């Protein structure tokens, strides 16, 4: 069985808060976040803190006027899984807002799609 290597990317929110996400997850979040913000939609984005940082959950308000920086550690664009995008967008469209949900295990992503931010 081939083992995946994981890279950690960082989401910088308003140049103040930095949160590490695996590059693959960050690429999917980038598409969902860009899709909502491009439409002028504001929303909550929540995640569970890494146990090394203590316990708890963080929620931030995502708004088109607040700058975001997506910083990927790896040089290759991760493959994009449309089912995962749909699952993430479903959470983003709820009153609770976007949450990073696990990638659907039964869907193997196609290789090398660039995160374009197009239709989700």
PDB file of N, CA and C in Angstrom:
ATOM      1  N   UNK A   1       0.838  -1.167   0.000  1.00  0.00           N
ATOM      2  CA  UNK A   1       0.000   0.000   0.000  1.00  0.00           C
ATOM      3  C   UNK A   1       0.893   1.244   0.000  1.00  0.00           C
ATOM      4  N   UNK A   2       0.635   2.151  -0.920  1.00  0.00           N
ATOM      5  CA  UNK A   2       1.425   3.371  -1.024  1.00  0.00           C
ATOM      6  C   UNK A   2       0.973   4.365   0.028  1.00  0.00           C
ATOM      7  N   UNK A   3       1.919   4.912   0.749  1.00  0.00           N
ATOM      8  CA  UNK A   3       1.619   5.893   1.799  1.00  0.00           C
ATOM      9  C   UNK A   3       1.678   7.299   1.208  1.00  0.00           C
ATOM     10  N   UNK A   4       0.674   8.098   1.488  1.00  0.00           N
ATOM     11  CA  UNK A   4       0.645   9.487   1.030  1.00  0.00           C
ATOM     12  C   UNK A   4       1.589  10.324   1.877  1.00  0.00           C
ATOM     13  N   UNK A   5       2.224  11.292   1.239  1.00  0.00           N
ATOM     14  CA  UNK A   5       2.975  12.262   2.025  1.00  0.00           C
ATOM     15  C   UNK A   5       2.079  13.490   2.188  1.00  0.00           C
ATOM     16  N   UNK A   6       2.113  14.092   3.362  1.00  0.00           N
ATOM     17  CA  UNK A   6       1.240  15.206   3.670  1.00  0.00           C
ATOM     18  C   UNK A   6       2.054  16.471   3.873  1.00  0.00           C
ATOM     19  N   UNK A   7       1.611  17.536   3.261  1.00  0.00           N
ATOM     20  CA  UNK A   7       2.213  18.838   3.441  1.00  0.00           C
ATOM     21  C   UNK A   7       1.237  19.695   4.226  1.00  0.00           C
ATOM     22  N   UNK A   8       1.763  20.602   5.011  1.00  0.00           N
ATOM     23  CA  UNK A   8       0.921  21.494   5.801  1.00  0.00           C
ATOM     24  C   UNK A   8       0.968  22.887   5.199  1.00  0.00           C
ATOM     25  N   UNK A   9      -0.189  23.392   4.796  1.00  0.00           N
ATOM     26  CA  UNK A   9      -0.302  24.753   4.302  1.00  0.00           C
ATOM     27  C   UNK A   9      -0.865  25.638   5.400  1.00  0.00           C
ATOM     28  N   UNK A  10      -0.878  26.923   5.183  1.00  0.00           N
ATOM     29  CA  UNK A  10      -1.358  27.881   6.174  1.00  0.00           C
ATOM     30  C   UNK A  10      -2.382  28.809   5.550  1.00  0.00           C
ATOM     31  N   UNK A  11      -3.475  29.039   6.246  1.00  0.00           N
ATOM     32  CA  UNK A  11      -4.464  30.039   5.870  1.00  0.00           C
ATOM     33  C   UNK A  11      -4.216  31.249   6.764  1.00  0.00           C
ATOM     34  N   UNK A  12      -3.927  32.387   6.167  1.00  0.00           N
ATOM     35  CA  UNK A  12      -3.716  33.610   6.939  1.00  0.00           C
ATOM     36  C   UNK A  12      -4.961  34.461   6.808  1.00  0.00           C
ATOM     37  N   UNK A  13      -5.557  34.781   7.930  1.00  0.00           N
ATOM     38  CA  UNK A  13      -6.806  35.535   7.948  1.00  0.00           C
ATOM     39  C   UNK A  13      -6.527  36.952   8.391  1.00  0.00           C
ATOM     40  N   UNK A  14      -6.741  37.904   7.511  1.00  0.00           N
ATOM     41  CA  UNK A  14      -6.550  39.326   7.791  1.00  0.00           C
ATOM     42  C   UNK A  14      -5.147  39.602   8.338  1.00  0.00           C
ATOM     43  N   UNK A  15      -4.186  38.829   7.869  1.00  0.00           N
ATOM     44  CA  UNK A  15      -2.778  38.970   8.213  1.00  0.00           C
ATOM     45  C   UNK A  15      -2.533  38.906   9.733  1.00  0.00           C
ATOM     46  N   UNK A  16      -3.481  38.390  10.468  1.00  0.00           N
ATOM     47  CA  UNK A  16      -3.329  38.296  11.912  1.00  0.00           C
ATOM     48  C   UNK A  16      -3.350  36.835  12.366  1.00  0.00           C
ATOM     49  N   UNK A  17      -4.365  36.091  11.980  1.00  0.00           N
ATOM     50  CA  UNK A  17      -4.513  34.709  12.407  1.00  0.00           C
ATOM     51  C   UNK A  17      -3.975  33.762  11.348  1.00  0.00           C
ATOM     52  N   UNK A  18      -3.170  32.790  11.781  1.00  0.00           N
ATOM     53  CA  UNK A  18      -2.668  31.770  10.865  1.00  0.00           C
ATOM     54  C   UNK A  18      -3.115  30.410  11.378  1.00  0.00           C
ATOM     55  N   UNK A  19      -3.621  29.604  10.475  1.00  0.00           N
ATOM     56  CA  UNK A  19      -4.105  28.282  10.825  1.00  0.00           C
ATOM     57  C   UNK A  19      -3.503  27.290   9.836  1.00  0.00           C
ATOM     58  N   UNK A  20      -2.916  26.220  10.337  1.00  0.00           N
ATOM     59  CA  UNK A  20      -2.320  25.214   9.460  1.00  0.00           C
ATOM     60  C   UNK A  20      -3.347  24.172   9.049  1.00  0.00           C
ATOM     61  N   UNK A  21      -3.393  23.930   7.739  1.00  0.00           N
ATOM     62  CA  UNK A  21      -4.204  22.866   7.166  1.00  0.00           C
ATOM     63  C   UNK A  21      -3.322  22.088   6.208  1.00  0.00           C
ATOM     64  N   UNK A  22      -3.572  20.810   6.106  1.00  0.00           N
ATOM     65  CA  UNK A  22      -2.880  19.997   5.123  1.00  0.00           C
ATOM     66  C   UNK A  22      -3.140  20.608   3.740  1.00  0.00           C
ATOM     67  N   UNK A  23      -2.138  20.595   2.857  1.00  0.00           N
ATOM     68  CA  UNK A  23      -2.269  21.201   1.528  1.00  0.00           C
ATOM     69  C   UNK A  23      -3.507  20.726   0.779  1.00  0.00           C
ATOM     70  N   UNK A  24      -3.794  19.442   0.847  1.00  0.00           N
ATOM     71  CA  UNK A  24      -4.943  18.882   0.123  1.00  0.00           C
ATOM     72  C   UNK A  24      -6.252  19.484   0.635  1.00  0.00           C
ATOM     73  N   UNK A  25      -6.399  19.559   1.950  1.00  0.00           N
ATOM     74  CA  UNK A  25      -7.601  20.164   2.540  1.00  0.00           C
ATOM     75  C   UNK A  25      -7.654  21.650   2.222  1.00  0.00           C
ATOM     76  N   UNK A  26      -6.512  22.333   2.289  1.00  0.00           N
ATOM     77  CA  UNK A  26      -6.475  23.765   2.021  1.00  0.00           C
ATOM     78  C   UNK A  26      -6.887  24.074   0.583  1.00  0.00           C
ATOM     79  N   UNK A  27      -6.494  23.231  -0.362  1.00  0.00           N
ATOM     80  CA  UNK A  27      -6.890  23.438  -1.762  1.00  0.00           C
ATOM     81  C   UNK A  27      -8.408  23.347  -1.915  1.00  0.00           C
ATOM     82  N   UNK A  28      -9.026  22.402  -1.217  1.00  0.00           N
ATOM     83  CA  UNK A  28     -10.481  22.257  -1.272  1.00  0.00           C
ATOM     84  C   UNK A  28     -11.175  23.431  -0.568  1.00  0.00           C
ATOM     85  N   UNK A  29     -10.643  23.833   0.579  1.00  0.00           N
ATOM     86  CA  UNK A  29     -11.205  24.988   1.282  1.00  0.00           C
ATOM     87  C   UNK A  29     -11.091  26.249   0.425  1.00  0.00           C
ATOM     88  N   UNK A  30      -9.984  26.404  -0.266  1.00  0.00           N
ATOM     89  CA  UNK A  30      -9.771  27.570  -1.118  1.00  0.00           C
ATOM     90  C   UNK A  30     -10.871  27.694  -2.171  1.00  0.00           C
ATOM     91  N   UNK A  31     -11.219  26.597  -2.791  1.00  0.00           N
ATOM     92  CA  UNK A  31     -12.248  26.618  -3.833  1.00  0.00           C
ATOM     93  C   UNK A  31     -13.607  27.003  -3.245  1.00  0.00           C
ATOM     94  N   UNK A  32     -13.968  26.396  -2.115  1.00  0.00           N
ATOM     95  CA  UNK A  32     -15.264  26.678  -1.491  1.00  0.00           C
ATOM     96  C   UNK A  32     -15.322  28.126  -0.999  1.00  0.00           C
ATOM     97  N   UNK A  33     -14.280  28.564  -0.307  1.00  0.00           N
ATOM     98  CA  UNK A  33     -14.252  29.931   0.221  1.00  0.00           C
ATOM     99  C   UNK A  33     -14.305  30.944  -0.919  1.00  0.00           C
ATOM    100  N   UNK A  34     -13.490  30.734  -1.962  1.00  0.00           N
ATOM    101  CA  UNK A  34     -13.475  31.658  -3.103  1.00  0.00           C
ATOM    102  C   UNK A  34     -14.833  31.702  -3.791  1.00  0.00           C
ATOM    103  N   UNK A  35     -15.489  30.557  -3.918  1.00  0.00           N
ATOM    104  CA  UNK A  35     -16.806  30.511  -4.558  1.00  0.00           C
ATOM    105  C   UNK A  35     -17.823  31.359  -3.800  1.00  0.00           C
ATOM    106  N   UNK A  36     -17.822  31.236  -2.469  1.00  0.00           N
ATOM    107  CA  UNK A  36     -18.779  32.000  -1.659  1.00  0.00           C
ATOM    108  C   UNK A  36     -18.441  33.490  -1.661  1.00  0.00           C
ATOM    109  N   UNK A  37     -17.180  33.828  -1.474  1.00  0.00           N
ATOM    110  CA  UNK A  37     -16.794  35.232  -1.408  1.00  0.00           C
ATOM    111  C   UNK A  37     -16.963  35.933  -2.758  1.00  0.00           C
ATOM    112  N   UNK A  38     -16.714  35.218  -3.844  1.00  0.00           N
ATOM    113  CA  UNK A  38     -16.899  35.794  -5.183  1.00  0.00           C
ATOM    114  C   UNK A  38     -18.357  36.202  -5.405  1.00  0.00           C
ATOM    115  N   UNK A  39     -19.267  35.470  -4.767  1.00  0.00           N
ATOM    116  CA  UNK A  39     -20.698  35.801  -4.872  1.00  0.00           C
ATOM    117  C   UNK A  39     -21.119  36.851  -3.844  1.00  0.00           C
ATOM    118  N   UNK A  40     -20.156  37.363  -3.086  1.00  0.00           N
ATOM    119  CA  UNK A  40     -20.463  38.383  -2.091  1.00  0.00           C
ATOM    120  C   UNK A  40     -21.078  37.830  -0.822  1.00  0.00           C
ATOM    121  N   UNK A  41     -20.951  36.544  -0.586  1.00  0.00           N
ATOM    122  CA  UNK A  41     -21.542  35.899   0.592  1.00  0.00           C
ATOM    123  C   UNK A  41     -20.557  35.885   1.752  1.00  0.00           C
ATOM    124  N   UNK A  42     -20.993  36.320   2.908  1.00  0.00           N
ATOM    125  CA  UNK A  42     -20.227  36.222   4.144  1.00  0.00           C
ATOM    126  C   UNK A  42     -20.716  34.987   4.896  1.00  0.00           C
ATOM    127  N   UNK A  43     -19.831  34.388   5.696  1.00  0.00           N
ATOM    128  CA  UNK A  43     -20.201  33.151   6.401  1.00  0.00           C
ATOM    129  C   UNK A  43     -19.199  32.871   7.509  1.00  0.00           C
ATOM    130  N   UNK A  44     -19.589  32.017   8.449  1.00  0.00           N
ATOM    131  CA  UNK A  44     -18.685  31.535   9.489  1.00  0.00           C
ATOM    132  C   UNK A  44     -17.849  30.387   8.952  1.00  0.00           C
ATOM    133  N   UNK A  45     -16.630  30.277   9.448  1.00  0.00           N
ATOM    134  CA  UNK A  45     -15.757  29.142   9.153  1.00  0.00           C
ATOM    135  C   UNK A  45     -15.216  28.669  10.494  1.00  0.00           C
ATOM    136  N   UNK A  46     -15.483  27.404  10.841  1.00  0.00           N
ATOM    137  CA  UNK A  46     -15.094  26.851  12.143  1.00  0.00           C
ATOM    138  C   UNK A  46     -14.223  25.624  11.976  1.00  0.00           C
ATOM    139  N   UNK A  47     -13.325  25.422  12.918  1.00  0.00           N
ATOM    140  CA  UNK A  47     -12.504  24.221  12.939  1.00  0.00           C
ATOM    141  C   UNK A  47     -12.167  23.878  14.381  1.00  0.00           C
ATOM    142  N   UNK A  48     -11.832  22.611  14.591  1.00  0.00           N
ATOM    143  CA  UNK A  48     -11.415  22.107  15.903  1.00  0.00           C
ATOM    144  C   UNK A  48      -9.919  22.365  16.025  1.00  0.00           C
ATOM    145  N   UNK A  49      -9.507  22.879  17.168  1.00  0.00           N
ATOM    146  CA  UNK A  49      -8.087  23.151  17.382  1.00  0.00           C
ATOM    147  C   UNK A  49      -7.291  21.859  17.448  1.00  0.00           C
ATOM    148  N   UNK A  50      -6.068  21.928  17.001  1.00  0.00           N
ATOM    149  CA  UNK A  50      -5.135  20.815  17.111  1.00  0.00           C
ATOM    150  C   UNK A  50      -4.902  20.545  18.598  1.00  0.00           C
ATOM    151  N   UNK A  51      -4.887  19.282  19.014  1.00  0.00           N
ATOM    152  CA  UNK A  51      -4.676  18.978  20.439  1.00  0.00           C
ATOM    153  C   UNK A  51      -3.399  19.593  21.003  1.00  0.00           C
ATOM    154  N   UNK A  52      -2.386  19.812  20.164  1.00  0.00           N
ATOM    155  CA  UNK A  52      -1.150  20.436  20.632  1.00  0.00           C
ATOM    156  C   UNK A  52      -1.369  21.892  21.049  1.00  0.00           C
ATOM    157  N   UNK A  53      -2.444  22.507  20.538  1.00  0.00           N
ATOM    158  CA  UNK A  53      -2.767  23.895  20.872  1.00  0.00           C
ATOM    159  C   UNK A  53      -3.773  23.994  22.010  1.00  0.00           C
ATOM    160  N   UNK A  54      -4.153  22.871  22.550  1.00  0.00           N
ATOM    161  CA  UNK A  54      -5.169  22.853  23.585  1.00  0.00           C
ATOM    162  C   UNK A  54      -6.462  22.313  23.003  1.00  0.00           C
ATOM    163  N   UNK A  55      -7.533  22.453  23.728  1.00  0.00           N
ATOM    164  CA  UNK A  55      -8.805  21.951  23.229  1.00  0.00           C
ATOM    165  C   UNK A  55      -9.651  23.116  22.748  1.00  0.00           C
ATOM    166  N   UNK A  56     -10.718  22.781  22.066  1.00  0.00           N
ATOM    167  CA  UNK A  56     -11.654  23.810  21.673  1.00  0.00           C
ATOM    168  C   UNK A  56     -11.826  23.932  20.176  1.00  0.00           C
ATOM    169  N   UNK A  57     -12.536  24.974  19.811  1.00  0.00           N
ATOM    170  CA  UNK A  57     -12.906  25.215  18.428  1.00  0.00           C
ATOM    171  C   UNK A  57     -12.726  26.695  18.172  1.00  0.00           C
ATOM    172  N   UNK A  58     -12.373  27.031  16.930  1.00  0.00           N
ATOM    173  CA  UNK A  58     -12.238  28.427  16.523  1.00  0.00           C
ATOM    174  C   UNK A  58     -13.231  28.703  15.404  1.00  0.00           C
ATOM    175  N   UNK A  59     -13.863  29.869  15.446  1.00  0.00           N
ATOM    176  CA  UNK A  59     -14.761  30.313  14.378  1.00  0.00           C
ATOM    177  C   UNK A  59     -14.355  31.713  13.970  1.00  0.00           C
ATOM    178  N   UNK A  60     -14.259  31.933  12.658  1.00  0.00           N
ATOM    179  CA  UNK A  60     -13.978  33.263  12.137  1.00  0.00           C
ATOM    180  C   UNK A  60     -15.083  33.650  11.156  1.00  0.00           C
ATOM    181  N   UNK A  61     -15.295  34.940  11.006  1.00  0.00           N
ATOM    182  CA  UNK A  61     -16.280  35.474  10.071  1.00  0.00           C
ATOM    183  C   UNK A  61     -15.570  35.747   8.758  1.00  0.00           C
ATOM    184  N   UNK A  62     -16.002  35.074   7.706  1.00  0.00           N
ATOM    185  CA  UNK A  62     -15.427  35.241   6.378  1.00  0.00           C
ATOM    186  C   UNK A  62     -16.233  36.302   5.638  1.00  0.00           C
ATOM    187  N   UNK A  63     -15.540  37.325   5.127  1.00  0.00           N
ATOM    188  CA  UNK A  63     -16.190  38.439   4.434  1.00  0.00           C
ATOM    189  C   UNK A  63     -15.325  38.827   3.240  1.00  0.00           C
ATOM    190  N   UNK A  64     -15.939  39.204   2.109  1.00  0.00           N
ATOM    191  CA  UNK A  64     -15.165  39.541   0.915  1.00  0.00           C
ATOM    192  C   UNK A  64     -14.148  40.666   1.120  1.00  0.00           C
ATOM    193  N   UNK A  65     -14.347  41.548   2.101  1.00  0.00           N
ATOM    194  CA  UNK A  65     -13.436  42.671   2.311  1.00  0.00           C
ATOM    195  C   UNK A  65     -12.214  42.317   3.156  1.00  0.00           C
ATOM    196  N   UNK A  66     -12.193  41.115   3.725  1.00  0.00           N
ATOM    197  CA  UNK A  66     -11.078  40.728   4.590  1.00  0.00           C
ATOM    198  C   UNK A  66     -10.083  39.899   3.774  1.00  0.00           C
ATOM    199  N   UNK A  67      -8.818  40.328   3.722  1.00  0.00           N
ATOM    200  CA  UNK A  67      -7.834  39.624   2.890  1.00  0.00           C
ATOM    201  C   UNK A  67      -7.522  38.223   3.405  1.00  0.00           C
ATOM    202  N   UNK A  68      -7.313  37.317   2.472  1.00  0.00           N
ATOM    203  CA  UNK A  68      -6.924  35.935   2.762  1.00  0.00           C
ATOM    204  C   UNK A  68      -5.662  35.610   1.973  1.00  0.00           C
ATOM    205  N   UNK A  69      -4.798  34.800   2.555  1.00  0.00           N
ATOM    206  CA  UNK A  69      -3.620  34.308   1.856  1.00  0.00           C
ATOM    207  C   UNK A  69      -3.601  32.794   2.025  1.00  0.00           C
ATOM    208  N   UNK A  70      -3.515  32.088   0.916  1.00  0.00           N
ATOM    209  CA  UNK A  70      -3.386  30.634   0.946  1.00  0.00           C
ATOM    210  C   UNK A  70      -1.931  30.317   0.641  1.00  0.00           C
ATOM    211  N   UNK A  71      -1.236  29.737   1.595  1.00  0.00           N
ATOM    212  CA  UNK A  71       0.187  29.455   1.451  1.00  0.00           C
ATOM    213  C   UNK A  71       0.389  27.947   1.513  1.00  0.00           C
ATOM    214  N   UNK A  72       0.699  27.346   0.371  1.00  0.00           N
ATOM    215  CA  UNK A  72       0.871  25.898   0.271  1.00  0.00           C
ATOM    216  C   UNK A  72       2.338  25.536   0.438  1.00  0.00           C
ATOM    217  N   UNK A  73       2.602  24.517   1.239  1.00  0.00           N
ATOM    218  CA  UNK A  73       3.968  24.077   1.451  1.00  0.00           C
ATOM    219  C   UNK A  73       4.479  23.289   0.243  1.00  0.00           C
ATOM    220  N   UNK A  74       3.633  22.427  -0.315  1.00  0.00           N
ATOM    221  CA  UNK A  74       4.032  21.632  -1.471  1.00  0.00           C
ATOM    222  C   UNK A  74       3.938  22.435  -2.756  1.00  0.00           C
ATOM    223  N   UNK A  75       4.732  22.048  -3.753  1.00  0.00           N
ATOM    224  CA  UNK A  75       4.742  22.779  -5.022  1.00  0.00           C
ATOM    225  C   UNK A  75       3.713  22.248  -6.015  1.00  0.00           C
ATOM    226  N   UNK A  76       3.212  21.065  -5.788  1.00  0.00           N
ATOM    227  CA  UNK A  76       2.220  20.476  -6.700  1.00  0.00           C
ATOM    228  C   UNK A  76       0.807  20.768  -6.238  1.00  0.00           C
ATOM    229  N   UNK A  77      -0.066  21.015  -7.213  1.00  0.00           N
ATOM    230  CA  UNK A  77      -1.475  21.233  -6.897  1.00  0.00           C
ATOM    231  C   UNK A  77      -2.115  19.889  -6.552  1.00  0.00           C
ATOM    232  N   UNK A  78      -2.736  19.777  -5.379  1.00  0.00           N
ATOM    233  CA  UNK A  78      -3.384  18.515  -5.014  1.00  0.00           C
ATOM    234  C   UNK A  78      -4.550  18.195  -5.953  1.00  0.00           C
ATOM    235  N   UNK A  79      -4.822  16.914  -6.138  1.00  0.00           N
ATOM    236  CA  UNK A  79      -5.987  16.488  -6.913  1.00  0.00           C
ATOM    237  C   UNK A  79      -7.242  16.963  -6.196  1.00  0.00           C
ATOM    238  N   UNK A  80      -8.235  17.357  -6.971  1.00  0.00           N
ATOM    239  CA  UNK A  80      -9.473  17.885  -6.406  1.00  0.00           C
ATOM    240  C   UNK A  80     -10.569  16.830  -6.469  1.00  0.00           C
ATOM    241  N   UNK A  81     -11.238  16.627  -5.353  1.00  0.00           N
ATOM    242  CA  UNK A  81     -12.299  15.641  -5.214  1.00  0.00           C
ATOM    243  C   UNK A  81     -13.639  16.390  -5.199  1.00  0.00           C
ATOM    244  N   UNK A  82     -14.410  16.274  -6.270  1.00  0.00           N
ATOM    245  CA  UNK A  82     -15.677  16.996  -6.401  1.00  0.00           C
ATOM    246  C   UNK A  82     -16.651  16.636  -5.275  1.00  0.00           C
ATOM    247  N   UNK A  83     -16.666  15.383  -4.845  1.00  0.00           N
ATOM    248  CA  UNK A  83     -17.565  14.983  -3.745  1.00  0.00           C
ATOM    249  C   UNK A  83     -17.210  15.710  -2.452  1.00  0.00           C
ATOM    250  N   UNK A  84     -15.931  15.885  -2.201  1.00  0.00           N
ATOM    251  CA  UNK A  84     -15.502  16.600  -1.009  1.00  0.00           C
ATOM    252  C   UNK A  84     -15.894  18.076  -1.112  1.00  0.00           C
ATOM    253  N   UNK A  85     -15.708  18.672  -2.316  1.00  0.00           N
ATOM    254  CA  UNK A  85     -16.139  20.057  -2.519  1.00  0.00           C
ATOM    255  C   UNK A  85     -17.625  20.211  -2.216  1.00  0.00           C
ATOM    256  N   UNK A  86     -18.424  19.285  -2.713  1.00  0.00           N
ATOM    257  CA  UNK A  86     -19.877  19.344  -2.465  1.00  0.00           C
ATOM    258  C   UNK A  86     -20.193  19.242  -0.980  1.00  0.00           C
ATOM    259  N   UNK A  87     -19.510  18.353  -0.279  1.00  0.00           N
ATOM    260  CA  UNK A  87     -19.743  18.187   1.163  1.00  0.00           C
ATOM    261  C   UNK A  87     -19.343  19.454   1.927  1.00  0.00           C
ATOM    262  N   UNK A  88     -18.220  20.053   1.554  1.00  0.00           N
ATOM    263  CA  UNK A  88     -17.782  21.289   2.202  1.00  0.00           C
ATOM    264  C   UNK A  88     -18.752  22.428   1.916  1.00  0.00           C
ATOM    265  N   UNK A  89     -19.217  22.525   0.673  1.00  0.00           N
ATOM    266  CA  UNK A  89     -20.143  23.597   0.311  1.00  0.00           C
ATOM    267  C   UNK A  89     -21.473  23.432   1.042  1.00  0.00           C
ATOM    268  N   UNK A  90     -21.892  22.199   1.248  1.00  0.00           N
ATOM    269  CA  UNK A  90     -23.129  21.963   2.009  1.00  0.00           C
ATOM    270  C   UNK A  90     -23.010  22.540   3.415  1.00  0.00           C
ATOM    271  N   UNK A  91     -21.851  22.333   4.075  1.00  0.00           N
ATOM    272  CA  UNK A  91     -21.694  22.885   5.421  1.00  0.00           C
ATOM    273  C   UNK A  91     -21.631  24.409   5.364  1.00  0.00           C
ATOM    274  N   UNK A  92     -20.978  24.948   4.339  1.00  0.00           N
ATOM    275  CA  UNK A  92     -20.840  26.402   4.224  1.00  0.00           C
ATOM    276  C   UNK A  92     -22.185  27.089   4.041  1.00  0.00           C
ATOM    277  N   UNK A  93     -23.152  26.374   3.488  1.00  0.00           N
ATOM    278  CA  UNK A  93     -24.474  26.946   3.238  1.00  0.00           C
ATOM    279  C   UNK A  93     -25.448  26.761   4.392  1.00  0.00           C
ATOM    280  N   UNK A  94     -24.965  26.268   5.529  1.00  0.00           N
ATOM    281  CA  UNK A  94     -25.814  26.109   6.709  1.00  0.00           C
ATOM    282  C   UNK A  94     -25.629  27.317   7.632  1.00  0.00           C
ATOM    283  N   UNK A  95     -26.555  27.517   8.575  1.00  0.00           N
ATOM    284  CA  UNK A  95     -26.389  28.630   9.520  1.00  0.00           C
ATOM    285  C   UNK A  95     -25.087  28.547  10.331  1.00  0.00           C
ATOM    286  N   UNK A  96     -24.592  27.348  10.580  1.00  0.00           N
ATOM    287  CA  UNK A  96     -23.342  27.180  11.328  1.00  0.00           C
ATOM    288  C   UNK A  96     -22.106  27.517  10.519  1.00  0.00           C
ATOM    289  N   UNK A  97     -22.217  27.505   9.201  1.00  0.00           N
ATOM    290  CA  UNK A  97     -21.102  27.871   8.342  1.00  0.00           C
ATOM    291  C   UNK A  97     -20.195  26.716   7.972  1.00  0.00           C
ATOM    292  N   UNK A  98     -19.131  27.062   7.282  1.00  0.00           N
ATOM    293  CA  UNK A  98     -18.164  26.095   6.752  1.00  0.00           C
ATOM    294  C   UNK A  98     -17.432  25.379   7.875  1.00  0.00           C
ATOM    295  N   UNK A  99     -17.347  24.061   7.750  1.00  0.00           N
ATOM    296  CA  UNK A  99     -16.563  23.209   8.646  1.00  0.00           C
ATOM    297  C   UNK A  99     -15.776  22.246   7.781  1.00  0.00           C
ATOM    298  N   UNK A 100     -14.551  21.952   8.177  1.00  0.00           N
ATOM    299  CA  UNK A 100     -13.745  20.973   7.452  1.00  0.00           C
ATOM    300  C   UNK A 100     -14.247  19.587   7.811  1.00  0.00           C
ATOM    301  N   UNK A 101     -14.901  18.950   6.858  1.00  0.00           N
ATOM    302  CA  UNK A 101     -15.421  17.594   7.055  1.00  0.00           C
ATOM    303  C   UNK A 101     -14.446  16.618   6.415  1.00  0.00           C
ATOM    304  N   UNK A 102     -14.452  15.359   6.857  1.00  0.00           N
ATOM    305  CA  UNK A 102     -13.531  14.382   6.280  1.00  0.00           C
ATOM    306  C   UNK A 102     -13.795  14.164   4.789  1.00  0.00           C
ATOM    307  N   UNK A 103     -12.736  13.877   4.075  1.00  0.00           N
ATOM    308  CA  UNK A 103     -12.878  13.573   2.658  1.00  0.00           C
ATOM    309  C   UNK A 103     -13.595  12.243   2.510  1.00  0.00           C
ATOM    310  N   UNK A 104     -14.577  12.173   1.601  1.00  0.00           N
ATOM    311  CA  UNK A 104     -15.256  10.897   1.374  1.00  0.00           C
ATOM    312  C   UNK A 104     -14.245   9.816   0.982  1.00  0.00           C
ATOM    313  N   UNK A 105     -14.231   8.723   1.723  1.00  0.00           N
ATOM    314  CA  UNK A 105     -13.234   7.673   1.524  1.00  0.00           C
ATOM    315  C   UNK A 105     -13.485   6.832   0.285  1.00  0.00           C
ATOM    316  N   UNK A 106     -14.724   6.734  -0.143  1.00  0.00           N
ATOM    317  CA  UNK A 106     -15.040   5.833  -1.246  1.00  0.00           C
ATOM    318  C   UNK A 106     -14.813   6.472  -2.616  1.00  0.00           C
ATOM    319  N   UNK A 107     -14.378   7.724  -2.674  1.00  0.00           N
ATOM    320  CA  UNK A 107     -14.153   8.398  -3.942  1.00  0.00           C
ATOM    321  C   UNK A 107     -12.663   8.668  -4.086  1.00  0.00           C
ATOM    322  N   UNK A 108     -12.064   8.123  -5.143  1.00  0.00           N
ATOM    323  CA  UNK A 108     -10.660   8.377  -5.412  1.00  0.00           C
ATOM    324  C   UNK A 108     -10.589   9.581  -6.337  1.00  0.00           C
ATOM    325  N   UNK A 109      -9.902  10.654  -5.909  1.00  0.00           N
ATOM    326  CA  UNK A 109      -9.858  11.869  -6.720  1.00  0.00           C
ATOM    327  C   UNK A 109      -9.055  11.679  -7.992  1.00  0.00           C
ATOM    328  N   UNK A 110      -9.454  12.398  -9.045  1.00  0.00           N
ATOM    329  CA  UNK A 110      -8.698  12.404 -10.287  1.00  0.00           C
ATOM    330  C   UNK A 110      -7.446  13.239 -10.076  1.00  0.00           C
ATOM    331  N   UNK A 111      -6.395  12.952 -10.802  1.00  0.00           N
ATOM    332  CA  UNK A 111      -5.119  13.632 -10.584  1.00  0.00           C
ATOM    333  C   UNK A 111      -5.041  15.013 -11.181  1.00  0.00           C
ATOM    334  N   UNK A 112      -4.404  15.904 -10.399  1.00  0.00           N
ATOM    335  CA  UNK A 112      -3.895  17.163 -10.879  1.00  0.00           C
ATOM    336  C   UNK A 112      -4.845  18.283 -11.255  1.00  0.00           C
ATOM    337  N   UNK A 113      -6.085  18.287 -10.825  1.00  0.00           N
ATOM    338  CA  UNK A 113      -6.957  19.415 -11.141  1.00  0.00           C
ATOM    339  C   UNK A 113      -6.536  20.631 -10.340  1.00  0.00           C
ATOM    340  N   UNK A 114      -6.415  21.758 -11.002  1.00  0.00           N
ATOM    341  CA  UNK A 114      -6.032  22.986 -10.314  1.00  0.00           C
ATOM    342  C   UNK A 114      -7.239  23.574  -9.592  1.00  0.00           C
ATOM    343  N   UNK A 115      -7.031  24.097  -8.360  1.00  0.00           N
ATOM    344  CA  UNK A 115      -8.134  24.733  -7.651  1.00  0.00           C
ATOM    345  C   UNK A 115      -8.498  26.052  -8.318  1.00  0.00           C
ATOM    346  N   UNK A 116      -9.476  26.014  -9.194  1.00  0.00           N
ATOM    347  CA  UNK A 116      -9.822  27.196  -9.984  1.00  0.00           C
ATOM    348  C   UNK A 116     -10.832  28.083  -9.293  1.00  0.00           C
ATOM    349  N   UNK A 117     -11.554  27.548  -8.333  1.00  0.00           N
ATOM    350  CA  UNK A 117     -12.595  28.340  -7.680  1.00  0.00           C
ATOM    351  C   UNK A 117     -13.870  28.367  -8.498  1.00  0.00           C
ATOM    352  N   UNK A 118     -13.929  27.599  -9.584  1.00  0.00           N
ATOM    353  CA  UNK A 118     -15.120  27.555 -10.416  1.00  0.00           C
ATOM    354  C   UNK A 118     -16.216  26.747  -9.750  1.00  0.00           C
ATOM    355  N   UNK A 119     -17.298  26.646 -10.421  1.00  0.00           N
ATOM    356  CA  UNK A 119     -18.557  26.083  -9.931  1.00  0.00           C
ATOM    357  C   UNK A 119     -18.406  25.054  -8.843  1.00  0.00           C
ATOM    358  N   UNK A 120     -19.046  25.323  -7.755  1.00  0.00           N
ATOM    359  CA  UNK A 120     -19.189  24.373  -6.645  1.00  0.00           C
ATOM    360  C   UNK A 120     -20.631  24.429  -6.237  1.00  0.00           C
TER     361      UNK A 120
END
